[in-house]
Protein backbone atom coordinates (compact mmCIF):
# COMPACT_ATOMS: atom_id res chain seq x y z
CA MET A 1 -22.34 134.53 -41.59
CA THR A 2 -23.98 135.25 -44.95
CA LYS A 3 -22.65 137.75 -47.46
CA THR A 4 -25.52 140.13 -46.64
CA GLU A 5 -24.84 139.93 -42.91
CA LEU A 6 -21.11 140.47 -43.51
CA SER A 7 -21.82 143.62 -45.53
CA ARG A 8 -23.87 145.01 -42.65
CA THR A 9 -21.17 144.36 -40.05
CA PRO A 10 -19.41 147.61 -39.03
CA ARG A 11 -15.79 147.61 -40.13
CA ILE A 12 -13.03 148.95 -37.90
CA GLY A 13 -11.95 151.23 -40.74
CA SER A 14 -15.44 152.70 -41.12
CA PHE A 15 -17.40 155.38 -39.30
CA ALA A 16 -19.65 152.74 -37.72
CA GLY A 17 -16.56 150.83 -36.62
CA GLU A 18 -15.26 153.91 -34.82
CA LEU A 19 -18.40 154.34 -32.69
CA PRO A 20 -17.70 151.55 -30.13
CA VAL A 21 -14.23 153.00 -29.51
CA LEU A 22 -15.66 156.50 -29.16
CA GLY A 23 -18.31 155.22 -26.76
CA ALA A 24 -15.67 153.50 -24.62
CA VAL A 25 -13.52 156.66 -24.51
CA LEU A 26 -16.43 158.86 -23.48
CA ALA A 27 -17.59 156.32 -20.89
CA ALA A 28 -14.08 156.33 -19.37
CA LEU A 29 -14.12 160.12 -19.17
CA GLY A 30 -17.55 160.00 -17.56
CA LEU A 31 -16.25 157.57 -14.92
CA VAL A 32 -13.42 159.98 -14.13
CA LEU A 33 -16.01 162.69 -13.49
CA LEU A 34 -17.97 160.42 -11.18
CA PHE A 35 -14.81 159.53 -9.26
CA TYR A 36 -14.11 163.22 -8.58
CA SER A 37 -17.75 164.25 -8.16
CA ASP A 38 -17.10 165.69 -4.68
CA ASP A 39 -13.86 167.50 -5.58
CA SER A 40 -14.73 170.97 -6.91
CA PHE A 41 -11.12 171.87 -7.73
CA THR A 42 -10.56 168.74 -9.82
CA LEU A 43 -13.93 169.13 -11.54
CA ASN A 44 -12.97 172.68 -12.48
CA THR A 45 -9.69 171.39 -13.92
CA LEU A 46 -11.52 168.67 -15.83
CA ALA A 47 -13.99 171.20 -17.25
CA GLY A 48 -11.09 173.26 -18.61
CA THR A 49 -9.40 170.11 -19.87
CA PHE A 50 -12.49 168.96 -21.76
CA LEU A 51 -12.98 172.44 -23.23
CA PHE A 52 -9.46 172.44 -24.66
CA ALA A 53 -9.86 168.86 -25.84
CA GLY A 54 -12.80 170.01 -27.95
CA LEU A 55 -10.90 173.08 -29.18
CA ALA A 56 -7.84 171.03 -30.13
CA THR A 57 -10.01 168.45 -31.88
CA SER A 58 -11.65 171.29 -33.83
CA TRP A 59 -8.26 172.69 -34.82
CA ASN A 60 -7.12 169.21 -35.88
CA ILE A 61 -9.69 169.18 -38.70
CA ILE A 62 -7.76 171.76 -40.71
CA GLY A 63 -4.38 171.61 -38.97
CA GLY A 64 -4.08 167.81 -38.78
CA PHE A 65 -6.24 166.31 -41.52
CA GLY A 66 -5.84 169.28 -43.86
CA GLY A 67 -2.19 170.01 -43.09
CA GLN A 68 -2.84 173.78 -42.82
CA PHE A 69 -0.95 174.86 -39.69
CA SER A 70 -3.11 177.74 -38.51
CA LEU A 71 -2.11 179.91 -35.55
CA GLY A 72 -5.14 182.17 -35.86
CA HIS A 73 -7.94 179.98 -34.55
CA SER A 74 -8.28 182.19 -31.48
CA VAL A 75 -10.15 184.60 -33.80
CA PHE A 76 -12.97 182.10 -34.28
CA PHE A 77 -12.92 181.25 -30.59
CA ALA A 78 -13.38 184.95 -29.83
CA ILE A 79 -16.22 185.29 -32.33
CA GLY A 80 -18.16 182.62 -30.47
CA ALA A 81 -17.51 184.23 -27.09
CA TYR A 82 -18.34 187.78 -28.16
CA MET A 83 -21.49 186.90 -30.10
CA THR A 84 -22.90 184.70 -27.35
CA GLY A 85 -22.15 187.29 -24.69
CA ASN A 86 -23.70 190.13 -26.68
CA LEU A 87 -26.84 188.23 -27.61
CA PHE A 88 -27.26 187.20 -23.98
CA LEU A 89 -26.76 190.71 -22.59
CA LYS A 90 -28.63 192.78 -25.17
CA TYR A 91 -31.39 190.43 -26.28
CA GLU A 92 -31.52 187.87 -23.44
CA LEU A 93 -31.06 185.13 -26.00
CA SER A 94 -30.23 181.71 -24.63
CA PRO A 95 -26.66 180.62 -25.46
CA TRP A 96 -28.12 177.35 -26.76
CA ILE A 97 -29.74 179.38 -29.53
CA SER A 98 -26.84 181.79 -30.06
CA LEU A 99 -24.55 178.83 -30.74
CA LEU A 100 -25.92 178.59 -34.28
CA PRO A 101 -25.33 182.20 -35.42
CA ALA A 102 -21.96 182.22 -33.66
CA MET A 103 -20.86 179.09 -35.51
CA ALA A 104 -22.25 180.36 -38.81
CA LEU A 105 -20.48 183.73 -38.47
CA ALA A 106 -17.17 182.08 -37.53
CA ALA A 107 -17.41 179.72 -40.51
CA ALA A 108 -18.22 182.61 -42.87
CA VAL A 109 -15.35 184.75 -41.56
CA ALA A 110 -12.96 181.81 -41.74
CA MET A 111 -13.82 181.01 -45.34
CA LEU A 112 -13.72 184.67 -46.37
CA ILE A 113 -10.29 185.41 -44.92
CA SER A 114 -8.88 182.00 -45.87
CA TRP A 115 -9.71 182.41 -49.56
CA PRO A 116 -6.65 184.64 -50.19
CA VAL A 117 -4.54 183.22 -47.35
CA PHE A 118 -4.77 179.65 -48.66
CA ARG A 119 -2.72 180.75 -51.65
CA LEU A 120 0.23 180.76 -49.26
CA ARG A 121 1.92 177.54 -48.18
CA GLY A 122 4.01 176.29 -45.28
CA PRO A 123 5.39 178.86 -42.86
CA PHE A 124 4.00 181.75 -44.92
CA PHE A 125 0.45 180.51 -44.25
CA SER A 126 1.17 180.21 -40.51
CA ILE A 127 2.66 183.72 -40.41
CA ALA A 128 -0.42 185.11 -42.19
CA THR A 129 -2.77 183.51 -39.64
CA LEU A 130 -0.56 184.88 -36.87
CA ALA A 131 -0.92 188.38 -38.29
CA LEU A 132 -4.68 187.84 -38.51
CA THR A 133 -4.81 187.36 -34.74
CA GLU A 134 -3.11 190.70 -34.13
CA VAL A 135 -5.43 192.50 -36.53
CA ALA A 136 -8.49 190.93 -34.90
CA MET A 137 -7.33 191.93 -31.43
CA ALA A 138 -6.83 195.53 -32.55
CA LEU A 139 -10.34 195.55 -34.02
CA ALA A 140 -11.76 194.10 -30.81
CA VAL A 141 -10.18 196.90 -28.79
CA TYR A 142 -11.49 199.53 -31.22
CA PHE A 143 -15.10 198.34 -31.53
CA SER A 144 -15.84 198.67 -27.84
CA THR A 145 -19.62 198.75 -28.35
CA TRP A 146 -19.61 195.01 -29.02
CA THR A 147 -16.45 193.90 -27.28
CA GLY A 148 -16.16 196.21 -24.27
CA GLY A 149 -12.82 197.45 -25.61
CA ALA A 150 -9.64 196.62 -23.75
CA GLN A 151 -11.58 196.01 -20.50
CA GLY A 152 -13.93 193.48 -22.05
CA PHE A 153 -17.28 192.75 -20.45
CA SER A 154 -19.04 190.25 -18.22
CA VAL A 155 -22.43 188.58 -18.09
CA PRO A 156 -24.49 188.33 -14.89
CA PHE A 157 -24.85 185.10 -12.98
CA LYS A 158 -28.30 183.84 -14.00
CA ARG A 159 -28.24 180.26 -12.92
CA GLY A 160 -30.07 177.77 -15.13
CA LEU A 161 -29.61 175.15 -17.81
CA GLU A 162 -31.14 177.48 -20.39
CA ASN A 163 -28.30 179.94 -19.70
CA MET A 164 -25.51 177.35 -19.40
CA ILE A 165 -24.73 178.81 -15.98
CA PHE A 166 -24.42 176.43 -13.05
CA ALA A 167 -23.41 176.63 -9.42
CA GLU A 168 -22.27 172.99 -9.42
CA ARG A 169 -18.92 172.28 -11.05
CA MET A 170 -20.12 168.84 -12.12
CA ASN A 171 -22.67 170.40 -14.49
CA ASN A 172 -19.97 172.55 -16.09
CA ALA A 173 -17.74 169.52 -16.53
CA LEU A 174 -20.59 167.50 -18.08
CA LEU A 175 -21.34 170.33 -20.52
CA MET A 176 -17.70 170.42 -21.62
CA LEU A 177 -17.67 166.63 -21.92
CA GLY A 178 -20.67 166.94 -24.24
CA TYR A 179 -18.65 169.39 -26.36
CA VAL A 180 -15.82 166.87 -26.58
CA ALA A 181 -18.28 164.16 -27.57
CA VAL A 182 -19.73 166.24 -30.42
CA THR A 183 -16.33 167.27 -31.81
CA LEU A 184 -14.99 163.70 -31.65
CA LEU A 185 -18.12 162.35 -33.33
CA ILE A 186 -17.73 164.86 -36.16
CA VAL A 187 -14.04 164.02 -36.56
CA CYS A 188 -14.82 160.28 -36.61
CA TRP A 189 -17.28 160.92 -39.41
CA LEU A 190 -14.87 163.24 -41.21
CA ARG A 191 -12.04 160.70 -41.04
CA HIS A 192 -14.03 158.29 -43.22
CA SER A 193 -15.87 160.79 -45.42
CA ARG A 194 -15.07 162.06 -48.90
CA LEU A 195 -14.16 165.44 -47.41
CA GLY A 196 -11.80 163.80 -44.94
CA TYR A 197 -10.04 161.76 -47.61
CA SER A 198 -9.71 164.86 -49.77
CA LEU A 199 -8.21 166.88 -46.90
CA GLN A 200 -5.69 164.13 -46.17
CA ALA A 201 -4.75 163.90 -49.84
CA ILE A 202 -4.15 167.65 -49.91
CA ARG A 203 -2.06 167.38 -46.75
CA ASP A 204 0.11 164.63 -48.24
CA ASN A 205 0.64 166.29 -51.62
CA GLU A 206 -1.42 169.23 -52.76
CA ASP A 207 -0.27 169.14 -56.39
CA THR A 208 -1.01 165.43 -56.72
CA ALA A 209 -4.43 165.90 -55.11
CA GLU A 210 -5.27 168.63 -57.60
CA ALA A 211 -4.08 166.47 -60.49
CA ALA A 212 -6.36 163.69 -59.21
CA GLY A 213 -9.39 165.96 -59.59
CA ILE A 214 -9.80 167.26 -56.03
CA ALA A 215 -10.98 170.87 -55.83
CA VAL A 216 -8.16 171.92 -53.51
CA LEU A 217 -9.24 175.45 -52.60
CA ARG A 218 -12.89 174.52 -52.09
CA THR A 219 -11.96 171.52 -49.93
CA LYS A 220 -9.66 173.58 -47.74
CA LEU A 221 -12.28 176.29 -47.37
CA ILE A 222 -14.93 173.77 -46.27
CA GLY A 223 -12.48 172.20 -43.83
CA MET A 224 -11.56 175.60 -42.41
CA GLY A 225 -15.22 176.58 -42.10
CA LEU A 226 -16.06 173.39 -40.18
CA SER A 227 -13.05 173.80 -37.93
CA ALA A 228 -13.87 177.46 -37.22
CA ALA A 229 -17.54 176.69 -36.47
CA LEU A 230 -16.62 174.11 -33.84
CA MET A 231 -14.01 176.48 -32.43
CA ALA A 232 -16.69 179.18 -32.07
CA ALA A 233 -18.93 176.72 -30.24
CA GLY A 234 -16.12 176.28 -27.73
CA GLY A 235 -15.87 180.06 -27.41
CA SER A 236 -19.58 180.26 -26.63
CA LEU A 237 -19.24 177.63 -23.89
CA TYR A 238 -16.21 179.46 -22.52
CA MET A 239 -18.14 182.73 -22.37
CA MET A 240 -20.92 181.26 -20.25
CA TYR A 241 -18.42 179.30 -18.14
CA VAL A 242 -16.14 182.14 -17.03
CA ARG A 243 -18.69 184.95 -17.74
CA VAL A 244 -15.85 187.48 -18.13
CA VAL A 245 -13.90 188.09 -21.33
CA ASP A 246 -11.38 190.58 -22.68
CA PRO A 247 -9.45 190.66 -25.96
CA TYR A 248 -6.10 189.89 -24.34
CA ALA A 249 -7.46 186.62 -22.96
CA LEU A 250 -9.41 185.58 -26.06
CA PHE A 251 -6.69 186.37 -28.60
CA SER A 252 -3.76 185.22 -26.48
CA LEU A 253 -1.41 183.22 -28.67
CA PHE A 254 -0.23 180.86 -25.96
CA ASP A 255 -3.54 180.51 -24.13
CA VAL A 256 -5.52 179.65 -27.27
CA GLY A 257 -3.88 179.85 -30.70
CA VAL A 258 -0.56 178.13 -30.01
CA LYS A 259 -1.86 175.95 -27.18
CA VAL A 260 -4.36 174.02 -29.30
CA ALA A 261 -1.67 173.37 -31.90
CA MET A 262 0.83 172.28 -29.24
CA ILE A 263 -1.70 169.96 -27.62
CA THR A 264 -2.42 168.31 -30.96
CA LEU A 265 1.27 167.98 -31.85
CA ILE A 266 2.04 166.26 -28.56
CA GLY A 267 -0.95 163.92 -28.64
CA GLY A 268 -0.78 163.06 -32.33
CA ILE A 269 -1.59 165.45 -35.16
CA GLY A 270 -3.93 164.07 -37.80
CA THR A 271 -5.29 161.33 -35.53
CA ILE A 272 -8.76 161.14 -34.03
CA TYR A 273 -7.80 160.89 -30.37
CA GLY A 274 -4.44 162.64 -30.41
CA PRO A 275 -5.85 166.04 -29.36
CA LEU A 276 -7.76 164.41 -26.51
CA LEU A 277 -4.69 162.58 -25.24
CA GLY A 278 -2.53 165.69 -25.55
CA THR A 279 -5.05 167.71 -23.58
CA LEU A 280 -5.36 165.11 -20.82
CA LEU A 281 -1.58 165.25 -20.42
CA LEU A 282 -0.88 168.93 -20.96
CA ILE A 283 -3.66 170.89 -19.23
CA PRO A 284 -3.38 169.22 -15.80
CA LEU A 285 0.42 169.41 -16.09
CA GLU A 286 0.21 173.11 -16.94
CA ASN A 287 -2.00 173.77 -13.92
CA LEU A 288 0.40 171.84 -11.68
CA LEU A 289 3.45 173.68 -13.01
CA ARG A 290 1.73 177.05 -12.64
CA ALA A 291 0.94 176.27 -9.02
CA GLU A 292 4.40 174.90 -8.21
CA LEU A 293 6.64 177.17 -10.30
CA GLY A 294 4.52 180.24 -11.02
CA ALA A 295 5.37 182.03 -7.78
CA SER A 296 8.97 180.91 -7.23
CA VAL A 297 10.15 180.94 -10.88
CA PRO A 298 8.15 183.43 -12.97
CA GLY A 299 7.53 181.89 -16.37
CA GLY A 300 8.95 178.56 -15.22
CA ASN A 301 5.82 176.71 -16.26
CA LEU A 302 6.12 178.09 -19.80
CA LEU A 303 9.78 177.09 -19.92
CA VAL A 304 8.97 173.48 -19.00
CA LEU A 305 6.16 173.30 -21.54
CA GLY A 306 8.44 174.74 -24.21
CA VAL A 307 11.10 172.12 -23.51
CA LEU A 308 8.43 169.43 -23.65
CA LEU A 309 7.28 170.66 -27.06
CA VAL A 310 10.86 170.71 -28.39
CA LEU A 311 11.47 167.15 -27.18
CA THR A 312 8.24 166.02 -28.78
CA ALA A 313 9.21 167.64 -32.08
CA LEU A 314 12.63 165.96 -31.96
CA TYR A 315 11.75 162.45 -30.83
CA LEU A 316 7.98 162.07 -31.38
CA ARG A 317 7.40 163.93 -34.60
CA ARG A 318 4.03 162.25 -35.14
CA GLY A 319 2.99 162.76 -31.53
CA ILE A 320 2.35 160.04 -28.99
CA ILE A 321 -0.46 158.26 -30.83
CA GLY A 322 1.17 158.72 -34.24
CA SER A 323 4.42 157.25 -32.94
CA LEU A 324 2.60 154.29 -31.40
CA ILE A 325 0.78 153.64 -34.68
CA GLY A 326 4.10 153.79 -36.54
CA LEU A 327 5.68 151.37 -34.08
CA ALA A 328 2.77 148.95 -34.47
CA ASP A 329 3.06 149.13 -38.27
CA ARG A 330 6.79 148.38 -38.13
CA MET A 331 6.24 145.42 -35.81
CA LYS A 332 3.53 144.09 -38.10
CA ALA A 333 5.81 144.46 -41.11
CA ALA A 334 8.63 142.68 -39.27
CA ARG A 335 6.40 139.69 -38.49
CA ALA A 336 5.09 139.47 -42.06
């Protein structure tokens, strides 16, 4: 192989080198869908699983790569849902088109509110984002013209690809798989981009990153804006999937804000496929526990998930994938 040919060969540590792995992962998920193509219940579960995989991957941009542990991402999720629903109801605008203004608004709101909040660090930043969720929910209840107030609102069933509304569960699952594919592709690019390296440097040591010439605040704002935009896209898909929303569902800490963080922590925070793995493990398990324990032991499913999170924090602090990577590095060092 000549030097020119070698330079054109995709490296494993490059964006091009990540694409074959990403293709294999998505192909495996597609095969799972085909295997359960006649099982509406499982397809519905997979659609929800893929949706949260995309949401967790979006959160991982700022929470994992940037090290900013946000608990307020449900706000951006709600922005996507509310804007898409309103544009569909009042202007009959296709959700495919409303995705763009929803993502743009979420990114703008995220950067605007994060500008003062990013001056806080550690638990103080997390508490501030937690308070943001409560403020946003109160505003959603008050501005009932756009949100439907405490009762929320629904969109009619107008079946069609242009409306993202399907009678077949397979189509919903494929749409959510497409969302996962886009978010993973963006994260693969980010991981090997200048922005990604800057976010990881800030995560490791913010003062050192600033001393090295990285514009810390600007980098975090861009990362938050990208994360919020993808989160809003998930909210838009959710709106057209369930077609009924209310503030208590959209801003729920456990159902959205804390769940995406927990999924990422279990799978492997700061890794490309950690959120996907965490979702594949947690969402089906949650559904199973809710069905088995929900009636006999109220809140039993939440108790089990809480214990699982505590055990992960104690014994797998880097998550499943992070721990496996660490183990592989130690074995490699031992052989060297």
